[in-house]
Amino acid sequence: QTERQFDARMTNNLVGAYAGFNGGGLARFT
């Protein structure tokens, strides 16, 4: 899965959990 595909899942309210960075992940998706 590419970053673009993953971002699409996250921004469509589909993902419950994952692992990633504090800034580029948690803060960005929030």
Full PDB file with SEQRES, HELIX, SHEET, SSBOND, CRYST1, ORIGX, SCALE, CONECT and MASTER records, all heavy atoms in Angstrom:
SEQRES   1 A   30  GLN THR GLU ARG GLN PHE ASP ALA ARG MET THR ASN ASN          
SEQRES   2 A   30  LEU VAL GLY ALA TYR ALA GLY PHE ASN GLY GLY GLY LEU          
SEQRES   3 A   30  ALA ARG PHE THR                                              
HELIX    1 AA1 GLU A    3  THR A   11  1                                   9    
HELIX    2 AA2 ASN A   22  ALA A   27  3                                   6    
HELIX    3 AA3 ARG A   28  PHE A   29  1                                   2    
CRYST1    1.000    1.000    1.000  90.00  90.00  90.00 P 1           1          
ORIGX1      1.000000  0.000000  0.000000        0.00000                         
ORIGX2      0.000000  1.000000  0.000000        0.00000                         
ORIGX3      0.000000  0.000000  1.000000        0.00000                         
SCALE1      1.000000  0.000000  0.000000        0.00000                         
SCALE2      0.000000  1.000000  0.000000        0.00000                         
SCALE3      0.000000  0.000000  1.000000        0.00000                         
ATOM      1  N   GLN A   1       0.813  -1.203   0.000  1.00  0.00           N  
ATOM      2  CA  GLN A   1       0.000   0.000   0.000  1.00  0.00           C  
ATOM      3  C   GLN A   1       0.856   1.267   0.000  1.00  0.00           C  
ATOM      4  O   GLN A   1       1.745   1.421   0.835  1.00  0.00           O  
ATOM      5  CB  GLN A   1      -0.934   0.013   1.210  1.00  0.00           C  
ATOM      6  CG  GLN A   1      -1.902   1.181   1.209  1.00  0.00           C  
ATOM      7  CD  GLN A   1      -3.122   0.903   2.053  1.00  0.00           C  
ATOM      8  OE1 GLN A   1      -4.220   0.818   1.551  1.00  0.00           O  
ATOM      9  NE2 GLN A   1      -2.923   0.738   3.348  1.00  0.00           N  
ATOM     10  N   THR A   2       0.580   2.158  -0.922  1.00  0.00           N  
ATOM     11  CA  THR A   2       1.333   3.398  -1.028  1.00  0.00           C  
ATOM     12  C   THR A   2       0.802   4.425  -0.038  1.00  0.00           C  
ATOM     13  O   THR A   2      -0.276   4.269   0.544  1.00  0.00           O  
ATOM     14  CB  THR A   2       1.229   3.985  -2.449  1.00  0.00           C  
ATOM     15  OG1 THR A   2      -0.135   4.371  -2.687  1.00  0.00           O  
ATOM     16  CG2 THR A   2       1.677   2.967  -3.494  1.00  0.00           C  
ATOM     17  N   GLU A   3       1.565   5.508   0.121  1.00  0.00           N  
ATOM     18  CA  GLU A   3       1.142   6.579   1.021  1.00  0.00           C  
ATOM     19  C   GLU A   3      -0.169   7.194   0.556  1.00  0.00           C  
ATOM     20  O   GLU A   3      -1.048   7.499   1.372  1.00  0.00           O  
ATOM     21  CB  GLU A   3       2.228   7.649   1.107  1.00  0.00           C  
ATOM     22  CG  GLU A   3       1.894   8.778   2.070  1.00  0.00           C  
ATOM     23  CD  GLU A   3       3.027   9.771   2.226  1.00  0.00           C  
ATOM     24  OE1 GLU A   3       4.036   9.647   1.505  1.00  0.00           O  
ATOM     25  OE2 GLU A   3       2.902  10.684   3.063  1.00  0.00           O  
ATOM     26  N   ARG A   4      -0.314   7.373  -0.751  1.00  0.00           N  
ATOM     27  CA  ARG A   4      -1.550   7.967  -1.269  1.00  0.00           C  
ATOM     28  C   ARG A   4      -2.751   7.074  -0.971  1.00  0.00           C  
ATOM     29  O   ARG A   4      -3.818   7.564  -0.568  1.00  0.00           O  
ATOM     30  CB  ARG A   4      -1.425   8.195  -2.772  1.00  0.00           C  
ATOM     31  CG  ARG A   4      -2.695   8.750  -3.412  1.00  0.00           C  
ATOM     32  CD  ARG A   4      -2.492   9.068  -4.876  1.00  0.00           C  
ATOM     33  NE  ARG A   4      -1.565  10.169  -5.075  1.00  0.00           N  
ATOM     34  CZ  ARG A   4      -1.258  10.679  -6.274  1.00  0.00           C  
ATOM     35  NH1 ARG A   4      -1.813  10.174  -7.363  1.00  0.00           N  
ATOM     36  NH2 ARG A   4      -0.408  11.681  -6.369  1.00  0.00           N  
ATOM     37  N   GLN A   5      -2.599   5.771  -1.167  1.00  0.00           N  
ATOM     38  CA  GLN A   5      -3.703   4.846  -0.879  1.00  0.00           C  
ATOM     39  C   GLN A   5      -4.046   4.843   0.608  1.00  0.00           C  
ATOM     40  O   GLN A   5      -5.216   4.830   0.990  1.00  0.00           O  
ATOM     41  CB  GLN A   5      -3.328   3.437  -1.344  1.00  0.00           C  
ATOM     42  CG  GLN A   5      -3.222   3.300  -2.849  1.00  0.00           C  
ATOM     43  CD  GLN A   5      -2.584   1.974  -3.258  1.00  0.00           C  
ATOM     44  OE1 GLN A   5      -1.684   1.460  -2.587  1.00  0.00           O  
ATOM     45  NE2 GLN A   5      -3.043   1.425  -4.363  1.00  0.00           N  
ATOM     46  N   PHE A   6      -3.003   4.853   1.434  1.00  0.00           N  
ATOM     47  CA  PHE A   6      -3.225   4.862   2.880  1.00  0.00           C  
ATOM     48  C   PHE A   6      -3.921   6.144   3.320  1.00  0.00           C  
ATOM     49  O   PHE A   6      -4.857   6.123   4.114  1.00  0.00           O  
ATOM     50  CB  PHE A   6      -1.885   4.704   3.601  1.00  0.00           C  
ATOM     51  CG  PHE A   6      -1.985   4.752   5.094  1.00  0.00           C  
ATOM     52  CD1 PHE A   6      -2.489   3.673   5.803  1.00  0.00           C  
ATOM     53  CD2 PHE A   6      -1.582   5.873   5.802  1.00  0.00           C  
ATOM     54  CE1 PHE A   6      -2.581   3.707   7.185  1.00  0.00           C  
ATOM     55  CE2 PHE A   6      -1.674   5.925   7.179  1.00  0.00           C  
ATOM     56  CZ  PHE A   6      -2.172   4.835   7.873  1.00  0.00           C  
ATOM     57  N   ASP A   7      -3.467   7.272   2.781  1.00  0.00           N  
ATOM     58  CA  ASP A   7      -4.102   8.548   3.113  1.00  0.00           C  
ATOM     59  C   ASP A   7      -5.579   8.547   2.740  1.00  0.00           C  
ATOM     60  O   ASP A   7      -6.417   9.097   3.466  1.00  0.00           O  
ATOM     61  CB  ASP A   7      -3.390   9.696   2.392  1.00  0.00           C  
ATOM     62  CG  ASP A   7      -2.077  10.081   3.052  1.00  0.00           C  
ATOM     63  OD1 ASP A   7      -1.715   9.451   4.065  1.00  0.00           O  
ATOM     64  OD2 ASP A   7      -1.423  11.019   2.555  1.00  0.00           O  
ATOM     65  N   ALA A   8      -5.911   7.948   1.603  1.00  0.00           N  
ATOM     66  CA  ALA A   8      -7.309   7.894   1.173  1.00  0.00           C  
ATOM     67  C   ALA A   8      -8.151   7.116   2.171  1.00  0.00           C  
ATOM     68  O   ALA A   8      -9.288   7.503   2.483  1.00  0.00           O  
ATOM     69  CB  ALA A   8      -7.395   7.265  -0.213  1.00  0.00           C  
ATOM     70  N   ARG A   9      -7.603   6.030   2.694  1.00  0.00           N  
ATOM     71  CA  ARG A   9      -8.336   5.260   3.701  1.00  0.00           C  
ATOM     72  C   ARG A   9      -8.523   6.078   4.979  1.00  0.00           C  
ATOM     73  O   ARG A   9      -9.599   6.098   5.583  1.00  0.00           O  
ATOM     74  CB  ARG A   9      -7.599   3.963   4.013  1.00  0.00           C  
ATOM     75  CG  ARG A   9      -7.783   2.859   2.962  1.00  0.00           C  
ATOM     76  CD  ARG A   9      -6.712   1.791   3.115  1.00  0.00           C  
ATOM     77  NE  ARG A   9      -7.078   0.495   2.568  1.00  0.00           N  
ATOM     78  CZ  ARG A   9      -7.131   0.198   1.280  1.00  0.00           C  
ATOM     79  NH1 ARG A   9      -6.862   1.130   0.380  1.00  0.00           N  
ATOM     80  NH2 ARG A   9      -7.471  -1.027   0.880  1.00  0.00           N  
ATOM     81  N   MET A  10      -7.456   6.758   5.396  1.00  0.00           N  
ATOM     82  CA  MET A  10      -7.530   7.545   6.622  1.00  0.00           C  
ATOM     83  C   MET A  10      -8.516   8.702   6.492  1.00  0.00           C  
ATOM     84  O   MET A  10      -9.254   9.017   7.430  1.00  0.00           O  
ATOM     85  CB  MET A  10      -6.154   8.097   6.980  1.00  0.00           C  
ATOM     86  CG  MET A  10      -5.172   7.060   7.516  1.00  0.00           C  
ATOM     87  SD  MET A  10      -5.654   6.356   9.115  1.00  0.00           S  
ATOM     88  CE  MET A  10      -5.557   7.787  10.181  1.00  0.00           C  
ATOM     89  N   THR A  11      -8.526   9.359   5.354  1.00  0.00           N  
ATOM     90  CA  THR A  11      -9.382  10.538   5.190  1.00  0.00           C  
ATOM     91  C   THR A  11     -10.816  10.177   4.822  1.00  0.00           C  
ATOM     92  O   THR A  11     -11.660  11.073   4.715  1.00  0.00           O  
ATOM     93  CB  THR A  11      -8.798  11.480   4.124  1.00  0.00           C  
ATOM     94  OG1 THR A  11      -8.589  10.762   2.908  1.00  0.00           O  
ATOM     95  CG2 THR A  11      -7.478  12.076   4.601  1.00  0.00           C  
ATOM     96  N   ASN A  12     -11.087   8.915   4.641  1.00  0.00           N  
ATOM     97  CA  ASN A  12     -12.459   8.466   4.400  1.00  0.00           C  
ATOM     98  C   ASN A  12     -13.043   7.746   5.615  1.00  0.00           C  
ATOM     99  O   ASN A  12     -14.028   7.014   5.491  1.00  0.00           O  
ATOM    100  CB  ASN A  12     -12.526   7.575   3.164  1.00  0.00           C  
ATOM    101  CG  ASN A  12     -12.517   8.374   1.873  1.00  0.00           C  
ATOM    102  OD1 ASN A  12     -13.488   9.037   1.527  1.00  0.00           O  
ATOM    103  ND2 ASN A  12     -11.386   8.340   1.177  1.00  0.00           N  
ATOM    104  N   ASN A  13     -12.393   7.948   6.776  1.00  0.00           N  
ATOM    105  CA  ASN A  13     -12.932   7.442   8.042  1.00  0.00           C  
ATOM    106  C   ASN A  13     -13.047   5.919   8.071  1.00  0.00           C  
ATOM    107  O   ASN A  13     -14.000   5.363   8.616  1.00  0.00           O  
ATOM    108  CB  ASN A  13     -14.308   8.073   8.318  1.00  0.00           C  
ATOM    109  CG  ASN A  13     -14.652   8.096   9.799  1.00  0.00           C  
ATOM    110  OD1 ASN A  13     -13.776   8.116  10.654  1.00  0.00           O  
ATOM    111  ND2 ASN A  13     -15.941   8.087  10.105  1.00  0.00           N  
ATOM    112  N   LEU A  14     -12.041   5.253   7.502  1.00  0.00           N  
ATOM    113  CA  LEU A  14     -12.109   3.795   7.401  1.00  0.00           C  
ATOM    114  C   LEU A  14     -11.140   3.072   8.333  1.00  0.00           C  
ATOM    115  O   LEU A  14     -11.341   1.897   8.635  1.00  0.00           O  
ATOM    116  CB  LEU A  14     -11.813   3.360   5.958  1.00  0.00           C  
ATOM    117  CG  LEU A  14     -12.757   3.869   4.877  1.00  0.00           C  
ATOM    118  CD1 LEU A  14     -12.286   3.394   3.510  1.00  0.00           C  
ATOM    119  CD2 LEU A  14     -14.183   3.415   5.147  1.00  0.00           C  
ATOM    120  N   VAL A  15     -10.083   3.755   8.805  1.00  0.00           N  
ATOM    121  CA  VAL A  15      -9.000   3.081   9.524  1.00  0.00           C  
ATOM    122  C   VAL A  15      -9.156   3.244  11.031  1.00  0.00           C  
ATOM    123  O   VAL A  15      -9.329   4.351  11.536  1.00  0.00           O  
ATOM    124  CB  VAL A  15      -7.629   3.641   9.079  1.00  0.00           C  
ATOM    125  CG1 VAL A  15      -6.501   3.030   9.897  1.00  0.00           C  
ATOM    126  CG2 VAL A  15      -7.413   3.373   7.593  1.00  0.00           C  
ATOM    127  N   GLY A  16      -9.064   2.110  11.750  1.00  0.00           N  
ATOM    128  CA  GLY A  16      -9.175   2.141  13.200  1.00  0.00           C  
ATOM    129  C   GLY A  16      -7.851   2.292  13.905  1.00  0.00           C  
ATOM    130  O   GLY A  16      -7.785   2.908  14.975  1.00  0.00           O  
ATOM    131  N   ALA A  17      -6.783   1.735  13.345  1.00  0.00           N  
ATOM    132  CA  ALA A  17      -5.474   1.777  13.991  1.00  0.00           C  
ATOM    133  C   ALA A  17      -4.390   1.560  12.946  1.00  0.00           C  
ATOM    134  O   ALA A  17      -4.624   1.004  11.873  1.00  0.00           O  
ATOM    135  CB  ALA A  17      -5.379   0.718  15.086  1.00  0.00           C  
ATOM    136  N   TYR A  18      -3.200   1.997  13.286  1.00  0.00           N  
ATOM    137  CA  TYR A  18      -2.028   1.813  12.434  1.00  0.00           C  
ATOM    138  C   TYR A  18      -0.811   2.157  13.289  1.00  0.00           C  
ATOM    139  O   TYR A  18      -0.928   2.405  14.495  1.00  0.00           O  
ATOM    140  CB  TYR A  18      -2.101   2.710  11.197  1.00  0.00           C  
ATOM    141  CG  TYR A  18      -1.751   4.152  11.430  1.00  0.00           C  
ATOM    142  CD1 TYR A  18      -0.580   4.702  10.917  1.00  0.00           C  
ATOM    143  CD2 TYR A  18      -2.585   4.987  12.178  1.00  0.00           C  
ATOM    144  CE1 TYR A  18      -0.251   6.036  11.138  1.00  0.00           C  
ATOM    145  CE2 TYR A  18      -2.266   6.319  12.402  1.00  0.00           C  
ATOM    146  CZ  TYR A  18      -1.091   6.833  11.883  1.00  0.00           C  
ATOM    147  OH  TYR A  18      -0.759   8.139  12.107  1.00  0.00           O  
ATOM    148  N   ALA A  19       0.349   2.177  12.691  1.00  0.00           N  
ATOM    149  CA  ALA A  19       1.558   2.645  13.381  1.00  0.00           C  
ATOM    150  C   ALA A  19       2.265   3.622  12.465  1.00  0.00           C  
ATOM    151  O   ALA A  19       2.362   3.395  11.261  1.00  0.00           O  
ATOM    152  CB  ALA A  19       2.479   1.487  13.737  1.00  0.00           C  
ATOM    153  N   GLY A  20       2.749   4.724  13.044  1.00  0.00           N  
ATOM    154  CA  GLY A  20       3.402   5.733  12.225  1.00  0.00           C  
ATOM    155  C   GLY A  20       4.022   6.819  13.068  1.00  0.00           C  
ATOM    156  O   GLY A  20       4.142   6.700  14.297  1.00  0.00           O  
ATOM    157  N   PHE A  21       4.415   7.894  12.410  1.00  0.00           N  
ATOM    158  CA  PHE A  21       5.109   8.984  13.076  1.00  0.00           C  
ATOM    159  C   PHE A  21       4.157   9.878  13.846  1.00  0.00           C  
ATOM    160  O   PHE A  21       2.961   9.965  13.550  1.00  0.00           O  
ATOM    161  CB  PHE A  21       5.898   9.814  12.056  1.00  0.00           C  
ATOM    162  CG  PHE A  21       7.110   9.113  11.509  1.00  0.00           C  
ATOM    163  CD1 PHE A  21       7.094   8.556  10.236  1.00  0.00           C  
ATOM    164  CD2 PHE A  21       8.257   8.997  12.281  1.00  0.00           C  
ATOM    165  CE1 PHE A  21       8.208   7.902   9.736  1.00  0.00           C  
ATOM    166  CE2 PHE A  21       9.381   8.337  11.791  1.00  0.00           C  
ATOM    167  CZ  PHE A  21       9.350   7.789  10.516  1.00  0.00           C  
ATOM    168  N   ASN A  22       4.728  10.554  14.810  1.00  0.00           N  
ATOM    169  CA  ASN A  22       3.957  11.441  15.674  1.00  0.00           C  
ATOM    170  C   ASN A  22       3.520  12.702  14.936  1.00  0.00           C  
ATOM    171  O   ASN A  22       2.381  13.156  15.070  1.00  0.00           O  
ATOM    172  CB  ASN A  22       4.806  11.817  16.894  1.00  0.00           C  
ATOM    173  CG  ASN A  22       3.978  12.268  18.077  1.00  0.00           C  
ATOM    174  OD1 ASN A  22       2.840  12.655  17.943  1.00  0.00           O  
ATOM    175  ND2 ASN A  22       4.573  12.224  19.258  1.00  0.00           N  
ATOM    176  N   GLY A  23       4.440  13.275  14.156  1.00  0.00           N  
ATOM    177  CA  GLY A  23       4.120  14.501  13.445  1.00  0.00           C  
ATOM    178  C   GLY A  23       3.447  14.230  12.110  1.00  0.00           C  
ATOM    179  O   GLY A  23       2.340  14.705  11.839  1.00  0.00           O  
ATOM    180  N   GLY A  24       4.111  13.456  11.248  1.00  0.00           N  
ATOM    181  CA  GLY A  24       3.587  13.171   9.916  1.00  0.00           C  
ATOM    182  C   GLY A  24       2.413  12.225   9.907  1.00  0.00           C  
ATOM    183  O   GLY A  24       1.772  12.039   8.862  1.00  0.00           O  
ATOM    184  N   GLY A  25       2.102  11.626  11.048  1.00  0.00           N  
ATOM    185  CA  GLY A  25       0.962  10.732  11.143  1.00  0.00           C  
ATOM    186  C   GLY A  25      -0.113  11.282  12.040  1.00  0.00           C  
ATOM    187  O   GLY A  25      -1.120  11.823  11.594  1.00  0.00           O  
ATOM    188  N   LEU A  26       0.095  11.159  13.356  1.00  0.00           N  
ATOM    189  CA  LEU A  26      -0.922  11.533  14.324  1.00  0.00           C  
ATOM    190  C   LEU A  26      -1.400  12.965  14.131  1.00  0.00           C  
ATOM    191  O   LEU A  26      -2.606  13.234  14.037  1.00  0.00           O  
ATOM    192  CB  LEU A  26      -0.385  11.318  15.735  1.00  0.00           C  
ATOM    193  CG  LEU A  26      -1.376  11.408  16.894  1.00  0.00           C  
ATOM    194  CD1 LEU A  26      -0.910  10.552  18.064  1.00  0.00           C  
ATOM    195  CD2 LEU A  26      -1.576  12.846  17.368  1.00  0.00           C  
ATOM    196  N   ALA A  27      -0.477  13.920  14.056  1.00  0.00           N  
ATOM    197  CA  ALA A  27      -0.869  15.328  13.927  1.00  0.00           C  
ATOM    198  C   ALA A  27      -1.482  15.615  12.566  1.00  0.00           C  
ATOM    199  O   ALA A  27      -2.482  16.339  12.456  1.00  0.00           O  
ATOM    200  CB  ALA A  27       0.345  16.223  14.157  1.00  0.00           C  
ATOM    201  N   ARG A  28      -0.894  15.053  11.530  1.00  0.00           N  
ATOM    202  CA  ARG A  28      -1.379  15.331  10.177  1.00  0.00           C  
ATOM    203  C   ARG A  28      -2.793  14.812   9.970  1.00  0.00           C  
ATOM    204  O   ARG A  28      -3.660  15.529   9.455  1.00  0.00           O  
ATOM    205  CB  ARG A  28      -0.428  14.712   9.147  1.00  0.00           C  
ATOM    206  CG  ARG A  28      -0.784  15.037   7.700  1.00  0.00           C  
ATOM    207  CD  ARG A  28       0.368  14.702   6.783  1.00  0.00           C  
ATOM    208  NE  ARG A  28       0.599  13.275   6.695  1.00  0.00           N  
ATOM    209  CZ  ARG A  28       0.088  12.500   5.725  1.00  0.00           C  
ATOM    210  NH1 ARG A  28      -0.672  13.027   4.786  1.00  0.00           N  
ATOM    211  NH2 ARG A  28       0.356  11.212   5.698  1.00  0.00           N  
ATOM    212  N   PHE A  29      -3.039  13.573  10.390  1.00  0.00           N  
ATOM    213  CA  PHE A  29      -4.374  13.010  10.181  1.00  0.00           C  
ATOM    214  C   PHE A  29      -5.417  13.671  11.080  1.00  0.00           C  
ATOM    215  O   PHE A  29      -6.577  13.813  10.697  1.00  0.00           O  
ATOM    216  CB  PHE A  29      -4.348  11.497  10.385  1.00  0.00           C  
ATOM    217  CG  PHE A  29      -3.574  10.773   9.325  1.00  0.00           C  
ATOM    218  CD1 PHE A  29      -2.527   9.925   9.662  1.00  0.00           C  
ATOM    219  CD2 PHE A  29      -3.871  10.953   7.985  1.00  0.00           C  
ATOM    220  CE1 PHE A  29      -1.804   9.267   8.683  1.00  0.00           C  
ATOM    221  CE2 PHE A  29      -3.155  10.298   6.998  1.00  0.00           C  
ATOM    222  CZ  PHE A  29      -2.119   9.456   7.343  1.00  0.00           C  
ATOM    223  N   THR A  30      -4.998  14.079  12.264  1.00  0.00           N  
ATOM    224  CA  THR A  30      -5.932  14.808  13.132  1.00  0.00           C  
ATOM    225  C   THR A  30      -6.329  16.121  12.477  1.00  0.00           C  
ATOM    226  O   THR A  30      -7.515  16.488  12.455  1.00  0.00           O  
ATOM    227  CB  THR A  30      -5.297  15.058  14.505  1.00  0.00           C  
ATOM    228  OG1 THR A  30      -5.017  13.793  15.129  1.00  0.00           O  
ATOM    229  CG2 THR A  30      -6.237  15.852  15.396  1.00  0.00           C  
TER     230      THR A  30                                                      
MASTER        0    0    0    3    0    0    0    6  229    1    0    3          
END                                                                             
